[in-house]
Amino acid sequence: MKIELTLLIGIAFAFIILLAILIDLCATKKIVNVTKKIHLERKTCDVCASVFFFSIPSKFWRCSLCGSMNKEK
């Protein structure tokens, strides 16, 4: 049975690509299982009474609905 050189090279590349995908899946599996703790703060606008949730705490924030500046109480 004769195997052409291009067929042999194609099979080798396909095997290398599949091997790289399997290694990548095994490596990223550990990263994906990391749990993230996100703390959301509920803030109400003093002018229009809209409710917003922020993940990064700040002393001053701007209402996206009416545009007024608000200060944390």
Protein backbone atom coordinates (compact mmCIF):
# COMPACT_ATOMS: atom_id res chain seq x y z
CA MET A 1 0.00 0.00 0.00
CA LYS A 2 1.39 3.33 -1.08
CA ILE A 3 0.80 6.48 0.95
CA GLU A 4 1.38 9.78 -0.76
CA LEU A 5 3.57 12.36 0.94
CA THR A 6 0.84 15.03 0.96
CA LEU A 7 -1.63 12.62 2.59
CA LEU A 8 0.92 11.75 5.26
CA ILE A 9 1.61 15.45 5.94
CA GLY A 10 -2.15 16.17 6.10
CA ILE A 11 -2.75 13.37 8.60
CA ALA A 12 0.19 14.56 10.71
CA PHE A 13 -1.11 18.15 10.77
CA ALA A 14 -4.63 16.99 11.65
CA PHE A 15 -3.25 14.91 14.52
CA ILE A 16 -1.17 17.85 15.80
CA ILE A 17 -4.18 20.19 15.65
CA LEU A 18 -6.41 17.73 17.52
CA LEU A 19 -3.71 17.22 20.13
CA ALA A 20 -3.34 21.00 20.59
CA ILE A 21 -7.12 21.38 21.03
CA LEU A 22 -7.22 18.63 23.66
CA ILE A 23 -4.30 20.15 25.57
CA ASP A 24 -5.96 23.59 25.45
CA LEU A 25 -9.25 22.17 26.74
CA CYS A 26 -7.49 20.46 29.63
CA ALA A 27 -5.54 23.62 30.49
CA THR A 28 -8.53 25.99 30.44
CA LYS A 29 -10.75 23.64 32.40
CA LYS A 30 -9.00 24.70 35.61
CA ILE A 31 -9.47 28.41 34.83
CA VAL A 32 -13.17 28.14 34.02
CA ASN A 33 -14.04 26.57 37.38
CA VAL A 34 -12.87 29.64 39.33
CA THR A 35 -15.78 31.28 41.12
CA LYS A 36 -16.06 35.04 40.99
CA LYS A 37 -17.57 37.02 43.82
CA ILE A 38 -19.29 40.14 42.53
CA HIS A 39 -20.81 42.51 45.06
CA LEU A 40 -23.48 44.80 43.63
CA GLU A 41 -24.58 47.95 45.42
CA ARG A 42 -28.09 49.31 44.93
CA LYS A 43 -28.26 53.09 44.59
CA THR A 44 -31.27 55.34 44.01
CA CYS A 45 -31.08 58.66 42.20
CA ASP A 46 -32.07 61.61 44.41
CA VAL A 47 -33.70 63.50 41.54
CA CYS A 48 -35.63 60.97 39.43
CA ALA A 49 -35.72 58.00 41.89
CA SER A 50 -34.27 55.57 39.36
CA VAL A 51 -32.60 52.48 40.80
CA PHE A 52 -29.13 51.41 39.64
CA PHE A 53 -26.76 48.61 40.58
CA PHE A 54 -23.01 49.25 40.67
CA SER A 55 -20.25 46.69 41.05
CA ILE A 56 -17.50 49.23 41.77
CA PRO A 57 -18.24 51.35 44.84
CA SER A 58 -17.71 55.09 44.41
CA LYS A 59 -18.55 58.18 46.44
CA PHE A 60 -20.05 60.12 43.54
CA TRP A 61 -22.00 58.71 40.60
CA ARG A 62 -24.00 60.11 37.70
CA CYS A 63 -27.54 58.99 36.92
CA SER A 64 -27.73 57.71 33.37
CA LEU A 65 -31.41 58.60 33.07
CA CYS A 66 -31.53 62.25 34.17
CA GLY A 67 -27.78 63.07 34.24
CA SER A 68 -27.67 64.44 37.80
CA MET A 69 -24.66 63.92 40.05
CA ASN A 70 -25.42 61.97 43.21
CA LYS A 71 -23.41 61.46 46.37
CA GLU A 72 -23.38 58.29 48.41
CA LYS A 73 -25.36 58.69 51.61
